[in-house]
Amino acid sequence: MTSLDPGYLIGRLLVAMPGVEDSRFERSVVLLCLHDQNHAMGLVINRPVGNLTLEGLFRQLDVDPGRAGAEPVLWGGPVEPERGFVLHSDDQGLSEASLRICGGLALTATRDILEGLAGRRTRPRQAAMAVGYSGWGAGQLESEIRNNVWLTCEPDEALLFDADYPRKWSRALAKIGVSAARLTPFSGRA
């Protein structure tokens, strides 16, 4: 899975460094869905929202859950927590409202994808529902990366979609050869 534009980090994972100043992002792994000169947007992929399941969310929204199951709903980030986003494989085609991320991944926030998750349409092979998103203004993410707030790595399907949420952070670090046990919350420059 590679970014569409080599100058930006679309489709890459941000892995929070220890000591990140915003405690909401402590040990977070964020998939960047958008990134350009004006802003960046991503979804935290390793933080389930308490005991909220896809079926439970559908019931809260007064939507027939159909075959929606007990998959956890993820906390995508602090921005617009009332909005839902579905990160999914693009194997079932994309609606006009879908955002192609990279390498067979898409992001959709329309009722069509909810109907797929409930089984009333063809369900994508892989999918994860998130509420809220993580956002950065112009230059903000780049500054955070320069200040050692985030490391980056390529995603893989297991990191994006498996249910091993407690270990996704250490697994993402391991992908780039970093041991979580050896990291320090203090940053510096050589």
N, C-alpha and C. Protein backbone atom coordinates (compact mmCIF):
# COMPACT_ATOMS: atom_id res chain seq x y z
N MET A 1 0.85 -1.16 0.00
CA MET A 1 0.00 0.00 0.00
C MET A 1 0.89 1.23 0.00
N THR A 2 0.78 2.04 -1.02
CA THR A 2 1.62 3.22 -1.09
C THR A 2 0.77 4.45 -1.34
N SER A 3 1.32 5.57 -0.95
CA SER A 3 0.65 6.86 -1.09
C SER A 3 0.46 7.21 -2.57
N LEU A 4 -0.61 7.94 -2.87
CA LEU A 4 -0.87 8.37 -4.23
C LEU A 4 0.11 9.44 -4.68
N ASP A 5 0.53 10.33 -3.79
CA ASP A 5 1.45 11.41 -4.10
C ASP A 5 2.67 11.26 -3.21
N PRO A 6 3.84 11.08 -3.80
CA PRO A 6 5.02 10.82 -2.98
C PRO A 6 5.37 11.96 -2.02
N GLY A 7 4.85 13.16 -2.25
CA GLY A 7 5.13 14.29 -1.37
C GLY A 7 4.28 14.31 -0.13
N TYR A 8 3.29 13.46 -0.07
CA TYR A 8 2.38 13.46 1.07
C TYR A 8 2.29 12.05 1.65
N LEU A 9 1.66 11.93 2.79
CA LEU A 9 1.64 10.68 3.53
C LEU A 9 0.30 9.94 3.46
N ILE A 10 -0.48 10.18 2.44
CA ILE A 10 -1.77 9.51 2.29
C ILE A 10 -1.54 7.99 2.29
N GLY A 11 -2.33 7.30 3.11
CA GLY A 11 -2.22 5.85 3.16
C GLY A 11 -1.14 5.33 4.09
N ARG A 12 -0.42 6.20 4.76
CA ARG A 12 0.61 5.79 5.71
C ARG A 12 0.03 5.80 7.12
N LEU A 13 0.68 5.07 8.00
CA LEU A 13 0.30 5.07 9.41
C LEU A 13 1.18 6.05 10.17
N LEU A 14 0.55 6.82 11.05
CA LEU A 14 1.27 7.63 12.02
C LEU A 14 1.28 6.84 13.31
N VAL A 15 2.44 6.71 13.92
CA VAL A 15 2.58 5.95 15.16
C VAL A 15 3.05 6.94 16.22
N ALA A 16 2.23 7.15 17.24
CA ALA A 16 2.55 8.14 18.27
C ALA A 16 3.79 7.73 19.06
N MET A 17 4.65 8.70 19.29
CA MET A 17 5.82 8.48 20.13
C MET A 17 5.41 8.61 21.59
N PRO A 18 6.10 7.94 22.49
CA PRO A 18 5.82 8.14 23.92
C PRO A 18 6.01 9.62 24.27
N GLY A 19 5.22 10.09 25.17
CA GLY A 19 5.33 11.49 25.57
C GLY A 19 4.55 12.45 24.69
N VAL A 20 3.73 11.93 23.78
CA VAL A 20 2.91 12.81 22.96
C VAL A 20 2.11 13.71 23.92
N GLU A 21 2.09 15.01 23.65
CA GLU A 21 1.49 15.95 24.60
C GLU A 21 -0.02 15.81 24.74
N ASP A 22 -0.69 15.37 23.71
CA ASP A 22 -2.15 15.20 23.76
C ASP A 22 -2.44 13.77 24.20
N SER A 23 -2.90 13.60 25.43
CA SER A 23 -3.11 12.25 25.98
C SER A 23 -4.11 11.43 25.18
N ARG A 24 -4.97 12.09 24.41
CA ARG A 24 -5.93 11.35 23.59
C ARG A 24 -5.22 10.52 22.53
N PHE A 25 -3.99 10.88 22.20
CA PHE A 25 -3.25 10.17 21.15
C PHE A 25 -2.14 9.29 21.70
N GLU A 26 -2.08 9.11 23.01
CA GLU A 26 -1.07 8.26 23.59
C GLU A 26 -1.20 6.84 23.03
N ARG A 27 -0.10 6.32 22.51
CA ARG A 27 -0.02 4.97 21.92
C ARG A 27 -1.01 4.78 20.76
N SER A 28 -1.30 5.85 20.05
CA SER A 28 -2.24 5.77 18.92
C SER A 28 -1.55 5.40 17.63
N VAL A 29 -2.32 4.76 16.77
CA VAL A 29 -1.92 4.47 15.39
C VAL A 29 -3.01 5.09 14.52
N VAL A 30 -2.61 5.99 13.63
CA VAL A 30 -3.55 6.75 12.81
C VAL A 30 -3.28 6.48 11.34
N LEU A 31 -4.31 6.08 10.61
CA LEU A 31 -4.19 5.95 9.15
C LEU A 31 -4.49 7.30 8.53
N LEU A 32 -3.55 7.85 7.76
CA LEU A 32 -3.79 9.12 7.07
C LEU A 32 -4.61 8.89 5.81
N CYS A 33 -5.78 9.48 5.78
CA CYS A 33 -6.70 9.32 4.65
C CYS A 33 -6.58 10.47 3.65
N LEU A 34 -6.23 11.64 4.14
CA LEU A 34 -6.01 12.83 3.31
C LEU A 34 -4.76 13.52 3.82
N HIS A 35 -4.00 14.08 2.90
CA HIS A 35 -2.85 14.89 3.30
C HIS A 35 -2.43 15.72 2.10
N ASP A 36 -2.47 17.02 2.26
CA ASP A 36 -2.00 17.91 1.22
C ASP A 36 -1.44 19.16 1.89
N GLN A 37 -1.16 20.19 1.13
CA GLN A 37 -0.53 21.40 1.68
C GLN A 37 -1.44 22.15 2.65
N ASN A 38 -2.74 21.91 2.60
CA ASN A 38 -3.68 22.66 3.43
C ASN A 38 -4.13 21.95 4.69
N HIS A 39 -4.12 20.63 4.67
CA HIS A 39 -4.62 19.90 5.84
C HIS A 39 -4.28 18.41 5.75
N ALA A 40 -4.54 17.73 6.84
CA ALA A 40 -4.40 16.27 6.89
C ALA A 40 -5.57 15.73 7.70
N MET A 41 -6.00 14.52 7.37
CA MET A 41 -7.12 13.88 8.06
C MET A 41 -6.83 12.40 8.15
N GLY A 42 -7.09 11.84 9.32
CA GLY A 42 -6.86 10.43 9.51
C GLY A 42 -7.80 9.83 10.54
N LEU A 43 -7.73 8.50 10.66
CA LEU A 43 -8.54 7.77 11.63
C LEU A 43 -7.63 6.97 12.55
N VAL A 44 -7.88 7.09 13.85
CA VAL A 44 -7.19 6.25 14.81
C VAL A 44 -7.75 4.84 14.63
N ILE A 45 -6.87 3.86 14.45
CA ILE A 45 -7.33 2.50 14.14
C ILE A 45 -7.15 1.52 15.30
N ASN A 46 -6.74 2.02 16.45
CA ASN A 46 -6.49 1.09 17.56
C ASN A 46 -7.20 1.48 18.85
N ARG A 47 -8.31 2.23 18.75
CA ARG A 47 -9.04 2.65 19.94
C ARG A 47 -10.53 2.36 19.82
N PRO A 48 -10.99 1.21 20.28
CA PRO A 48 -12.43 0.97 20.31
C PRO A 48 -13.11 1.95 21.27
N VAL A 49 -14.35 2.31 20.96
CA VAL A 49 -15.15 3.20 21.80
C VAL A 49 -15.84 2.35 22.86
N GLY A 50 -15.22 2.21 24.01
CA GLY A 50 -15.81 1.43 25.10
C GLY A 50 -16.32 0.08 24.61
N ASN A 51 -17.58 -0.20 24.93
CA ASN A 51 -18.20 -1.46 24.49
C ASN A 51 -19.14 -1.26 23.31
N LEU A 52 -19.02 -0.13 22.61
CA LEU A 52 -19.91 0.15 21.49
C LEU A 52 -19.58 -0.76 20.30
N THR A 53 -20.59 -1.48 19.83
CA THR A 53 -20.42 -2.35 18.67
C THR A 53 -21.13 -1.75 17.47
N LEU A 54 -20.85 -2.29 16.31
CA LEU A 54 -21.51 -1.84 15.10
C LEU A 54 -23.02 -2.03 15.23
N GLU A 55 -23.44 -3.19 15.71
CA GLU A 55 -24.87 -3.44 15.91
C GLU A 55 -25.46 -2.43 16.89
N GLY A 56 -24.78 -2.16 17.98
CA GLY A 56 -25.26 -1.19 18.97
C GLY A 56 -25.36 0.21 18.40
N LEU A 57 -24.39 0.60 17.59
CA LEU A 57 -24.43 1.92 16.97
C LEU A 57 -25.63 2.03 16.03
N PHE A 58 -25.85 1.00 15.22
CA PHE A 58 -27.00 1.01 14.32
C PHE A 58 -28.29 1.17 15.11
N ARG A 59 -28.42 0.47 16.22
CA ARG A 59 -29.63 0.58 17.04
C ARG A 59 -29.78 1.99 17.61
N GLN A 60 -28.67 2.59 18.04
CA GLN A 60 -28.72 3.97 18.55
C GLN A 60 -29.18 4.94 17.48
N LEU A 61 -28.83 4.65 16.23
CA LEU A 61 -29.20 5.52 15.11
C LEU A 61 -30.57 5.19 14.54
N ASP A 62 -31.26 4.23 15.15
CA ASP A 62 -32.55 3.77 14.65
C ASP A 62 -32.45 3.23 13.23
N VAL A 63 -31.36 2.52 12.96
CA VAL A 63 -31.13 1.88 11.67
C VAL A 63 -31.18 0.38 11.91
N ASP A 64 -31.92 -0.33 11.08
CA ASP A 64 -31.99 -1.78 11.22
C ASP A 64 -30.58 -2.35 11.09
N PRO A 65 -30.08 -3.03 12.13
CA PRO A 65 -28.70 -3.52 12.07
C PRO A 65 -28.50 -4.69 11.12
N GLY A 66 -29.60 -5.32 10.68
CA GLY A 66 -29.45 -6.44 9.76
C GLY A 66 -28.46 -7.44 10.31
N ARG A 67 -27.40 -7.69 9.54
CA ARG A 67 -26.38 -8.64 9.97
C ARG A 67 -25.15 -7.96 10.57
N ALA A 68 -25.29 -6.67 10.90
CA ALA A 68 -24.17 -5.99 11.57
C ALA A 68 -23.91 -6.72 12.87
N GLY A 69 -22.66 -6.93 13.16
CA GLY A 69 -22.33 -7.76 14.30
C GLY A 69 -21.71 -7.01 15.46
N ALA A 70 -20.91 -7.74 16.19
CA ALA A 70 -20.32 -7.25 17.42
C ALA A 70 -18.96 -6.60 17.20
N GLU A 71 -18.63 -6.24 15.94
CA GLU A 71 -17.37 -5.56 15.70
C GLU A 71 -17.36 -4.24 16.46
N PRO A 72 -16.25 -3.92 17.11
CA PRO A 72 -16.20 -2.65 17.85
C PRO A 72 -16.23 -1.45 16.91
N VAL A 73 -16.80 -0.37 17.39
CA VAL A 73 -16.73 0.91 16.70
C VAL A 73 -15.47 1.60 17.24
N LEU A 74 -14.70 2.20 16.35
CA LEU A 74 -13.44 2.83 16.74
C LEU A 74 -13.62 4.32 16.99
N TRP A 75 -12.77 4.87 17.85
CA TRP A 75 -12.68 6.31 18.06
C TRP A 75 -11.68 6.80 17.02
N GLY A 76 -12.18 7.47 15.99
CA GLY A 76 -11.31 7.93 14.90
C GLY A 76 -10.51 9.16 15.24
N GLY A 77 -10.98 9.90 16.25
CA GLY A 77 -10.29 11.12 16.66
C GLY A 77 -11.28 12.10 17.25
N PRO A 78 -10.77 13.22 17.74
CA PRO A 78 -11.61 14.18 18.47
C PRO A 78 -12.45 15.12 17.61
N VAL A 79 -12.21 15.17 16.31
CA VAL A 79 -12.92 16.11 15.44
C VAL A 79 -14.24 15.49 14.98
N GLU A 80 -15.31 16.23 15.11
CA GLU A 80 -16.65 15.79 14.70
C GLU A 80 -16.99 14.38 15.19
N PRO A 81 -17.01 14.17 16.50
CA PRO A 81 -17.25 12.83 17.04
C PRO A 81 -18.66 12.29 16.74
N GLU A 82 -19.54 13.13 16.25
CA GLU A 82 -20.89 12.67 15.91
C GLU A 82 -20.96 12.12 14.48
N ARG A 83 -19.90 12.25 13.71
CA ARG A 83 -19.87 11.73 12.34
C ARG A 83 -19.24 10.36 12.29
N GLY A 84 -19.76 9.52 11.42
CA GLY A 84 -19.21 8.18 11.24
C GLY A 84 -18.48 8.04 9.93
N PHE A 85 -17.45 7.23 9.93
CA PHE A 85 -16.63 6.96 8.75
C PHE A 85 -16.37 5.47 8.69
N VAL A 86 -16.41 4.92 7.50
CA VAL A 86 -16.09 3.50 7.34
C VAL A 86 -14.85 3.40 6.46
N LEU A 87 -13.80 2.84 7.05
CA LEU A 87 -12.60 2.50 6.32
C LEU A 87 -12.85 1.10 5.77
N HIS A 88 -12.63 0.90 4.47
CA HIS A 88 -12.97 -0.40 3.90
C HIS A 88 -12.15 -0.73 2.67
N SER A 89 -12.13 -2.01 2.35
CA SER A 89 -11.52 -2.46 1.10
C SER A 89 -12.43 -2.00 -0.04
N ASP A 90 -11.82 -1.77 -1.20
CA ASP A 90 -12.63 -1.26 -2.33
C ASP A 90 -13.06 -2.36 -3.28
N ASP A 91 -13.12 -3.59 -2.78
CA ASP A 91 -13.45 -4.74 -3.62
C ASP A 91 -14.91 -4.77 -4.08
N GLN A 92 -15.79 -4.03 -3.44
CA GLN A 92 -17.20 -4.02 -3.84
C GLN A 92 -17.57 -2.77 -4.64
N GLY A 93 -16.58 -2.12 -5.16
CA GLY A 93 -16.83 -0.89 -5.91
C GLY A 93 -16.97 0.27 -4.94
N LEU A 94 -16.87 1.45 -5.47
CA LEU A 94 -16.94 2.65 -4.64
C LEU A 94 -18.13 3.49 -5.05
N SER A 95 -18.75 4.12 -4.06
CA SER A 95 -19.79 5.08 -4.40
C SER A 95 -19.10 6.37 -4.82
N GLU A 96 -19.85 7.26 -5.42
CA GLU A 96 -19.29 8.55 -5.83
C GLU A 96 -18.77 9.32 -4.64
N ALA A 97 -19.32 9.05 -3.45
CA ALA A 97 -18.92 9.77 -2.25
C ALA A 97 -17.71 9.14 -1.56
N SER A 98 -17.22 8.02 -2.04
CA SER A 98 -16.08 7.36 -1.41
C SER A 98 -14.79 8.07 -1.76
N LEU A 99 -13.89 8.08 -0.82
CA LEU A 99 -12.56 8.63 -1.02
C LEU A 99 -11.59 7.47 -1.17
N ARG A 100 -10.97 7.37 -2.32
CA ARG A 100 -9.95 6.33 -2.52
C ARG A 100 -8.70 6.79 -1.78
N ILE A 101 -8.21 5.93 -0.90
CA ILE A 101 -7.03 6.30 -0.12
C ILE A 101 -5.78 5.82 -0.85
N CYS A 102 -5.64 4.53 -0.98
CA CYS A 102 -4.51 3.94 -1.69
C CYS A 102 -4.64 2.42 -1.63
N GLY A 103 -3.92 1.74 -2.47
CA GLY A 103 -3.77 0.29 -2.40
C GLY A 103 -4.99 -0.52 -2.04
N GLY A 104 -6.14 -0.22 -2.62
CA GLY A 104 -7.34 -1.00 -2.35
C GLY A 104 -8.12 -0.55 -1.13
N LEU A 105 -7.80 0.61 -0.57
CA LEU A 105 -8.50 1.15 0.59
C LEU A 105 -9.33 2.35 0.21
N ALA A 106 -10.47 2.49 0.89
CA ALA A 106 -11.32 3.64 0.66
C ALA A 106 -11.95 4.07 1.98
N LEU A 107 -12.46 5.28 2.00
CA LEU A 107 -13.16 5.83 3.15
C LEU A 107 -14.51 6.32 2.65
N THR A 108 -15.57 5.89 3.32
CA THR A 108 -16.92 6.28 2.92
C THR A 108 -17.70 6.70 4.15
N ALA A 109 -18.52 7.74 3.99
CA ALA A 109 -19.31 8.24 5.11
C ALA A 109 -20.78 8.42 4.69
N THR A 110 -21.27 7.50 3.85
CA THR A 110 -22.65 7.60 3.38
C THR A 110 -23.46 6.39 3.83
N ARG A 111 -24.75 6.49 3.68
CA ARG A 111 -25.67 5.42 4.07
C ARG A 111 -25.42 4.13 3.27
N ASP A 112 -24.96 4.25 2.02
CA ASP A 112 -24.68 3.07 1.19
C ASP A 112 -23.76 2.09 1.89
N ILE A 113 -22.69 2.61 2.49
CA ILE A 113 -21.74 1.72 3.14
C ILE A 113 -22.35 1.10 4.39
N LEU A 114 -23.21 1.83 5.09
CA LEU A 114 -23.89 1.27 6.26
C LEU A 114 -24.78 0.12 5.85
N GLU A 115 -25.46 0.26 4.71
CA GLU A 115 -26.30 -0.83 4.21
C GLU A 115 -25.45 -2.05 3.86
N GLY A 116 -24.23 -1.83 3.37
CA GLY A 116 -23.32 -2.94 3.11
C GLY A 116 -22.90 -3.63 4.40
N LEU A 117 -22.62 -2.84 5.43
CA LEU A 117 -22.21 -3.41 6.71
C LEU A 117 -23.36 -4.18 7.36
N ALA A 118 -24.58 -3.75 7.11
CA ALA A 118 -25.75 -4.43 7.67
C ALA A 118 -26.15 -5.65 6.83
N GLY A 119 -25.54 -5.82 5.67
CA GLY A 119 -25.82 -6.99 4.85
C GLY A 119 -26.93 -6.79 3.84
N ARG A 120 -27.43 -5.55 3.70
CA ARG A 120 -28.48 -5.31 2.70
C ARG A 120 -27.89 -5.07 1.32
N ARG A 121 -26.62 -4.84 1.26
CA ARG A 121 -25.87 -4.75 0.01
C ARG A 121 -24.64 -5.62 0.19
N THR A 122 -23.86 -5.75 -0.83
CA THR A 122 -22.66 -6.56 -0.70
C THR A 122 -21.68 -5.86 0.24
N ARG A 123 -21.23 -6.60 1.23
CA ARG A 123 -20.32 -6.05 2.24
C ARG A 123 -18.89 -6.09 1.71
N PRO A 124 -18.12 -5.02 1.97
CA PRO A 124 -16.71 -5.08 1.60
C PRO A 124 -16.02 -6.23 2.35
N ARG A 125 -14.97 -6.77 1.77
CA ARG A 125 -14.24 -7.87 2.39
C ARG A 125 -13.68 -7.46 3.75
N GLN A 126 -13.22 -6.23 3.88
CA GLN A 126 -12.69 -5.71 5.13
C GLN A 126 -13.34 -4.35 5.40
N ALA A 127 -13.69 -4.08 6.65
CA ALA A 127 -14.29 -2.79 6.99
C ALA A 127 -14.13 -2.53 8.48
N ALA A 128 -14.00 -1.25 8.80
CA ALA A 128 -13.94 -0.80 10.19
C ALA A 128 -14.69 0.52 10.29
N MET A 129 -15.59 0.61 11.25
CA MET A 129 -16.39 1.82 11.48
C MET A 129 -15.72 2.67 12.54
N ALA A 130 -15.62 3.96 12.30
CA ALA A 130 -15.05 4.88 13.28
C ALA A 130 -15.97 6.09 13.44
N VAL A 131 -15.98 6.64 14.63
CA VAL A 131 -16.69 7.90 14.87
C VAL A 131 -15.65 8.96 15.17
N GLY A 132 -15.82 10.11 14.54
CA GLY A 132 -14.85 11.19 14.67
C GLY A 132 -13.63 10.94 13.81
N TYR A 133 -12.80 11.97 13.70
CA TYR A 133 -11.55 11.82 12.95
C TYR A 133 -10.48 12.70 13.57
N SER A 134 -9.28 12.51 13.12
CA SER A 134 -8.13 13.29 13.57
C SER A 134 -7.78 14.26 12.45
N GLY A 135 -7.58 15.52 12.78
CA GLY A 135 -7.31 16.51 11.74
C GLY A 135 -6.18 17.45 12.11
N TRP A 136 -5.50 17.95 11.08
CA TRP A 136 -4.40 18.88 11.24
C TRP A 136 -4.56 19.99 10.22
N GLY A 137 -4.20 21.21 10.59
CA GLY A 137 -4.20 22.34 9.67
C GLY A 137 -2.92 22.38 8.85
N ALA A 138 -2.82 23.38 7.99
CA ALA A 138 -1.66 23.53 7.12
C ALA A 138 -0.36 23.53 7.92
N GLY A 139 0.53 22.62 7.59
CA GLY A 139 1.85 22.55 8.22
C GLY A 139 1.88 21.95 9.62
N GLN A 140 0.74 21.73 10.24
CA GLN A 140 0.71 21.24 11.63
C GLN A 140 1.27 19.82 11.73
N LEU A 141 0.83 18.92 10.89
CA LEU A 141 1.32 17.55 10.94
C LEU A 141 2.81 17.50 10.64
N GLU A 142 3.24 18.22 9.63
CA GLU A 142 4.66 18.23 9.28
C GLU A 142 5.51 18.71 10.46
N SER A 143 5.02 19.72 11.17
CA SER A 143 5.72 20.22 12.35
C SER A 143 5.78 19.16 13.45
N GLU A 144 4.67 18.46 13.66
CA GLU A 144 4.65 17.40 14.68
C GLU A 144 5.63 16.28 14.32
N ILE A 145 5.72 15.93 13.06
CA ILE A 145 6.66 14.89 12.63
C ILE A 145 8.09 15.36 12.85
N ARG A 146 8.39 16.61 12.48
CA ARG A 146 9.74 17.15 12.72
C ARG A 146 10.09 17.17 14.20
N ASN A 147 9.09 17.36 15.06
CA ASN A 147 9.30 17.43 16.50
C ASN A 147 9.19 16.05 17.17
N ASN A 148 9.26 15.00 16.39
CA ASN A 148 9.28 13.63 16.90
C ASN A 148 8.03 13.23 17.67
N VAL A 149 6.88 13.75 17.26
CA VAL A 149 5.62 13.34 17.86
C VAL A 149 5.14 12.05 17.21
N TRP A 150 5.43 11.89 15.92
CA TRP A 150 4.95 10.73 15.15
C TRP A 150 6.09 10.09 14.38
N LEU A 151 6.03 8.77 14.28
CA LEU A 151 6.81 8.01 13.32
C LEU A 151 5.83 7.58 12.24
N THR A 152 6.32 7.18 11.08
CA THR A 152 5.43 6.72 10.02
C THR A 152 5.84 5.33 9.56
N CYS A 153 4.85 4.57 9.10
CA CYS A 153 5.13 3.26 8.51
C CYS A 153 4.02 2.91 7.53
N GLU A 154 4.33 1.94 6.71
CA GLU A 154 3.35 1.42 5.76
C GLU A 154 2.33 0.56 6.51
N PRO A 155 1.07 0.65 6.15
CA PRO A 155 0.08 -0.21 6.79
C PRO A 155 0.09 -1.60 6.15
N ASP A 156 -0.54 -2.52 6.82
CA ASP A 156 -0.86 -3.80 6.21
C ASP A 156 -2.28 -4.14 6.67
N GLU A 157 -2.87 -5.09 6.01
CA GLU A 157 -4.27 -5.41 6.27
C GLU A 157 -4.51 -5.80 7.73
N ALA A 158 -3.60 -6.55 8.32
CA ALA A 158 -3.78 -6.97 9.71
C ALA A 158 -3.78 -5.76 10.65
N LEU A 159 -2.83 -4.85 10.47
CA LEU A 159 -2.81 -3.65 11.33
C LEU A 159 -4.08 -2.83 11.16
N LEU A 160 -4.56 -2.74 9.96
CA LEU A 160 -5.75 -1.92 9.71
C LEU A 160 -7.03 -2.56 10.24
N PHE A 161 -7.17 -3.87 10.07
CA PHE A 161 -8.49 -4.46 10.29
C PHE A 161 -8.59 -5.54 11.36
N ASP A 162 -7.48 -6.05 11.88
CA ASP A 162 -7.67 -7.11 12.87
C ASP A 162 -8.10 -6.52 14.21
N ALA A 163 -8.51 -7.39 15.11
CA ALA A 163 -9.10 -6.96 16.39
C ALA A 163 -8.08 -6.94 17.54
N ASP A 164 -6.81 -7.02 17.24
CA ASP A 164 -5.78 -6.99 18.28
C ASP A 164 -5.42 -5.54 18.60
N TYR A 165 -6.41 -4.78 19.06
CA TYR A 165 -6.24 -3.34 19.29
C TYR A 165 -5.16 -3.01 20.31
N PRO A 166 -5.03 -3.74 21.42
CA PRO A 166 -4.01 -3.38 22.40
C PRO A 166 -2.58 -3.48 21.88
N ARG A 167 -2.33 -4.32 20.88
CA ARG A 167 -0.96 -4.52 20.38
C ARG A 167 -0.67 -3.80 19.07
N LYS A 168 -1.62 -3.10 18.49
CA LYS A 168 -1.37 -2.47 17.19
C LYS A 168 -0.24 -1.44 17.25
N TRP A 169 -0.15 -0.70 18.35
CA TRP A 169 0.90 0.31 18.47
C TRP A 169 2.28 -0.35 18.45
N SER A 170 2.49 -1.36 19.27
CA SER A 170 3.81 -2.02 19.31
C SER A 170 4.08 -2.77 18.01
N ARG A 171 3.04 -3.32 17.38
CA ARG A 171 3.22 -4.01 16.10
C ARG A 171 3.62 -3.03 15.00
N ALA A 172 3.02 -1.82 15.01
CA ALA A 172 3.38 -0.80 14.01
C ALA A 172 4.83 -0.36 14.21
N LEU A 173 5.23 -0.18 15.46
CA LEU A 173 6.63 0.17 15.73
C LEU A 173 7.56 -0.94 15.25
N ALA A 174 7.20 -2.18 15.52
CA ALA A 174 8.04 -3.31 15.11
C ALA A 174 8.23 -3.36 13.60
N LYS A 175 7.22 -2.93 12.85
CA LYS A 175 7.33 -2.91 11.37
C LYS A 175 8.48 -2.05 10.90
N ILE A 176 8.82 -1.02 11.69
CA ILE A 176 9.91 -0.13 11.29
C ILE A 176 11.17 -0.38 12.14
N GLY A 177 11.18 -1.51 12.83
CA GLY A 177 12.37 -1.91 13.56
C GLY A 177 12.57 -1.23 14.90
N VAL A 178 11.48 -0.71 15.49
CA VAL A 178 11.57 -0.01 16.76
C VAL A 178 10.92 -0.86 17.85
N SER A 179 11.62 -1.05 18.95
CA SER A 179 11.08 -1.79 20.08
C SER A 179 10.37 -0.81 21.00
N ALA A 180 9.10 -1.06 21.27
CA ALA A 180 8.32 -0.19 22.15
C ALA A 180 8.95 -0.11 23.54
N ALA A 181 9.55 -1.18 24.00
CA ALA A 181 10.16 -1.22 25.33
C ALA A 181 11.38 -0.30 25.43
N ARG A 182 11.98 0.03 24.31
CA ARG A 182 13.20 0.84 24.34
C ARG A 182 12.95 2.32 24.06
N LEU A 183 11.70 2.70 23.82
CA LEU A 183 11.40 4.11 23.56
C LEU A 183 11.33 4.89 24.85
N THR A 184 11.69 6.14 24.78
CA THR A 184 11.62 7.04 25.92
C THR A 184 10.63 8.15 25.61
N PRO A 185 9.95 8.68 26.62
CA PRO A 185 9.01 9.77 26.37
C PRO A 185 9.70 11.10 26.13
N PHE A 186 11.02 11.14 26.19
CA PHE A 186 11.75 12.39 25.99
C PHE A 186 12.31 12.43 24.59
N SER A 187 12.12 13.55 23.92
CA SER A 187 12.66 13.66 22.56
C SER A 187 13.80 14.66 22.57
N GLY A 188 14.55 14.62 21.53
CA GLY A 188 15.67 15.55 21.39
C GLY A 188 16.16 15.56 19.97
N ARG A 189 17.19 16.32 19.75
CA ARG A 189 17.78 16.40 18.42
C ARG A 189 19.28 16.17 18.55
N ALA A 190 19.82 15.47 17.60
CA ALA A 190 21.27 15.20 17.61
C ALA A 190 22.00 16.31 16.88
